[in-house]
């Protein structure tokens, strides 16, 4: 249990530090939205290494007792759940207090990119309609934070499955 809490907290803290550092380094201008997304997903994948380290730590602490796939998966999912909660809280805090204009700026920037893309008017109209639907979804800070919760959890789930397969104790 201590491995789950410790590595889940480390995973969540790494996400928060990585995202806040990218906010400080890149700023909030729309020119850096694409780079910010690349940095953000890189931070998510790199910090997900905490899942592997947490499962490995848990396995070493229970040695010589075997650790099966389901046990290792449970540890990884626990770590991912803690990190996803921490990051969802940070995301809500970011949207409400640190950068409350982020969503509107992002939607305006996306709309400008679509209009100036040079695509056929029909395609532009379709993309603008999709953007309007997306804008409705992310206009609520809670909903946007839950999307980020799900993103971190799904990435953690993938790392958990692969790690559980790789780190399980094989039966003799």
Protein backbone atom coordinates (compact mmCIF):
# COMPACT_ATOMS: atom_id res chain seq x y z
CA UNK A 1 0.00 0.00 0.00
CA UNK A 2 2.83 2.42 0.78
CA UNK A 3 4.29 1.84 -2.71
CA UNK A 4 0.96 2.77 -4.27
CA UNK A 5 0.61 5.99 -2.27
CA UNK A 6 4.25 7.00 -2.64
CA UNK A 7 4.54 6.36 -6.38
CA UNK A 8 1.03 7.66 -7.11
CA UNK A 9 1.95 10.89 -5.33
CA UNK A 10 5.28 11.07 -7.19
CA UNK A 11 3.50 10.50 -10.51
CA UNK A 12 0.95 13.22 -9.73
CA UNK A 13 3.61 15.62 -8.47
CA UNK A 14 5.74 15.03 -11.59
CA UNK A 15 2.70 15.88 -13.73
CA UNK A 16 1.97 19.07 -11.80
CA UNK A 17 5.59 20.24 -11.83
CA UNK A 18 6.00 19.38 -15.52
CA UNK A 19 2.84 21.16 -16.58
CA UNK A 20 3.44 24.21 -14.40
CA UNK A 21 7.05 24.45 -15.61
CA UNK A 22 5.84 24.31 -19.23
CA UNK A 23 3.32 27.05 -18.40
CA UNK A 24 6.13 29.21 -17.03
CA UNK A 25 8.55 28.42 -19.86
CA UNK A 26 6.14 28.70 -22.80
CA UNK A 27 3.75 31.31 -21.45
CA UNK A 28 0.10 31.57 -22.33
CA UNK A 29 0.19 32.98 -25.84
CA UNK A 30 -1.57 30.99 -28.56
CA UNK A 31 1.68 30.75 -30.52
CA UNK A 32 2.84 28.04 -28.13
CA UNK A 33 -0.35 25.92 -27.91
CA UNK A 34 0.95 23.21 -30.26
CA UNK A 35 4.32 23.05 -28.53
CA UNK A 36 2.52 23.05 -25.17
CA UNK A 37 0.49 20.02 -26.21
CA UNK A 38 3.64 18.16 -27.28
CA UNK A 39 5.37 19.05 -24.02
CA UNK A 40 2.25 18.10 -22.05
CA UNK A 41 1.91 14.64 -23.54
CA UNK A 42 5.66 14.09 -23.17
CA UNK A 43 5.37 14.98 -19.48
CA UNK A 44 2.46 12.54 -19.15
CA UNK A 45 4.39 9.67 -20.71
CA UNK A 46 7.65 10.35 -18.88
CA UNK A 47 5.95 10.71 -15.49
CA UNK A 48 4.09 7.45 -16.16
CA UNK A 49 7.39 5.70 -15.53
CA UNK A 50 6.36 6.00 -11.86
CA UNK A 51 3.92 3.15 -12.56
CA UNK A 52 6.77 0.83 -13.58
CA UNK A 53 8.92 1.91 -10.64
CA UNK A 54 6.01 1.50 -8.22
CA UNK A 55 5.17 -2.02 -9.38
CA UNK A 56 8.84 -2.97 -9.24
CA UNK A 57 9.17 -1.50 -5.73
CA UNK A 58 6.05 -3.36 -4.59
CA UNK A 59 7.39 -6.61 -6.04
CA UNK A 60 10.75 -6.19 -4.31
CA UNK A 61 9.08 -5.50 -0.94
CA UNK A 62 7.02 -8.70 -1.11
CA UNK A 63 9.94 -10.84 -2.26
CA UNK A 64 10.21 -13.85 -2.23
CA UNK A 65 6.39 -14.00 -2.47
CA UNK A 66 5.30 -14.11 -6.12
CA UNK A 67 3.49 -11.21 -7.74
CA UNK A 68 0.96 -12.23 -10.38
CA UNK A 69 -0.44 -10.22 -13.24
CA UNK A 70 -3.59 -9.12 -11.38
CA UNK A 71 -1.65 -8.04 -8.29
CA UNK A 72 0.79 -6.00 -10.36
CA UNK A 73 -2.08 -4.54 -12.40
CA UNK A 74 -3.85 -3.52 -9.18
CA UNK A 75 -0.74 -1.72 -7.95
CA UNK A 76 -0.36 0.10 -11.27
CA UNK A 77 -4.02 1.11 -11.36
CA UNK A 78 -3.82 2.38 -7.77
CA UNK A 79 -0.80 4.50 -8.65
CA UNK A 80 -2.58 5.81 -11.76
CA UNK A 81 -5.76 6.66 -9.84
CA UNK A 82 -3.86 8.72 -7.28
CA UNK A 83 -1.93 10.56 -10.00
CA UNK A 84 -5.09 11.18 -12.04
CA UNK A 85 -6.83 12.71 -9.02
CA UNK A 86 -3.86 14.97 -8.26
CA UNK A 87 -3.63 16.10 -11.87
CA UNK A 88 -7.38 16.71 -12.20
CA UNK A 89 -7.23 18.94 -9.12
CA UNK A 90 -4.25 20.80 -10.54
CA UNK A 91 -6.00 21.19 -13.89
CA UNK A 92 -9.09 22.66 -12.22
CA UNK A 93 -6.88 25.00 -10.14
CA UNK A 94 -5.01 26.04 -13.31
CA UNK A 95 -8.22 26.80 -15.21
CA UNK A 96 -9.82 28.71 -12.34
CA UNK A 97 -6.90 30.59 -10.77
CA UNK A 98 -3.67 30.42 -12.79
CA UNK A 99 -4.94 30.91 -16.36
CA UNK A 100 -8.72 31.47 -16.41
CA UNK A 101 -8.65 32.62 -20.06
CA UNK A 102 -6.97 29.44 -21.33
CA UNK A 103 -10.06 27.74 -22.74
CA UNK A 104 -11.33 30.82 -24.57
CA UNK A 105 -7.87 31.56 -25.98
CA UNK A 106 -7.45 27.98 -27.12
CA UNK A 107 -10.85 27.93 -28.87
CA UNK A 108 -10.20 31.31 -30.56
CA UNK A 109 -6.77 30.12 -31.72
CA UNK A 110 -8.22 26.87 -33.08
CA UNK A 111 -10.98 28.78 -34.89
CA UNK A 112 -8.42 31.11 -36.47
CA UNK A 113 -6.30 28.14 -37.63
CA UNK A 114 -9.33 26.50 -39.24
CA UNK A 115 -10.45 29.68 -41.02
CA UNK A 116 -6.96 30.48 -42.31
CA UNK A 117 -6.23 26.88 -43.35
CA UNK A 118 -7.12 27.43 -46.99
CA UNK A 119 -9.42 24.41 -47.08
CA UNK A 120 -12.65 24.29 -49.02
CA UNK A 121 -15.48 26.35 -47.44
CA UNK A 122 -17.53 23.19 -46.86
CA UNK A 123 -14.67 21.53 -44.95
CA UNK A 124 -14.05 24.70 -42.94
CA UNK A 125 -17.72 24.81 -42.02
CA UNK A 126 -17.64 21.17 -40.86
CA UNK A 127 -14.51 21.73 -38.79
CA UNK A 128 -15.98 24.87 -37.21
CA UNK A 129 -19.10 22.88 -36.27
CA UNK A 130 -16.91 20.21 -34.62
CA UNK A 131 -14.98 22.95 -32.82
CA UNK A 132 -18.26 24.42 -31.52
CA UNK A 133 -19.21 21.01 -30.09
CA UNK A 134 -15.76 20.69 -28.53
CA UNK A 135 -16.03 24.22 -27.10
CA UNK A 136 -19.29 23.26 -25.39
CA UNK A 137 -17.57 20.26 -23.80
CA UNK A 138 -14.52 22.10 -22.48
CA UNK A 139 -16.27 25.30 -21.43
CA UNK A 140 -16.96 23.69 -18.04
CA UNK A 141 -13.80 23.57 -15.89
CA UNK A 142 -14.99 20.46 -14.06
CA UNK A 143 -15.62 18.60 -17.32
CA UNK A 144 -12.25 19.63 -18.69
CA UNK A 145 -10.57 18.45 -15.48
CA UNK A 146 -12.35 15.11 -15.74
CA UNK A 147 -11.12 14.74 -19.31
CA UNK A 148 -7.58 15.27 -18.03
CA UNK A 149 -8.26 12.77 -15.21
CA UNK A 150 -9.32 10.21 -17.81
CA UNK A 151 -6.30 10.98 -20.01
CA UNK A 152 -3.81 10.41 -17.19
CA UNK A 153 -5.68 7.31 -16.01
CA UNK A 154 -5.79 5.72 -19.48
CA UNK A 155 -2.07 6.34 -20.02
CA UNK A 156 -1.43 4.88 -16.56
CA UNK A 157 -3.64 1.91 -17.43
CA UNK A 158 -1.56 1.19 -20.53
CA UNK A 159 1.67 1.42 -18.52
CA UNK A 160 0.10 -0.79 -15.83
CA UNK A 161 -0.86 -3.56 -18.26
CA UNK A 162 2.55 -3.63 -19.94
CA UNK A 163 4.36 -3.43 -16.60
CA UNK A 164 2.19 -6.14 -15.04
CA UNK A 165 2.97 -8.43 -17.95
CA UNK A 166 6.68 -7.69 -17.77
CA UNK A 167 7.13 -7.73 -13.98
CA UNK A 168 4.84 -10.56 -12.93
CA UNK A 169 6.38 -13.61 -11.34
CA UNK A 170 6.08 -16.53 -13.73
CA UNK A 171 4.69 -19.77 -12.36
CA UNK A 172 7.03 -22.74 -12.24
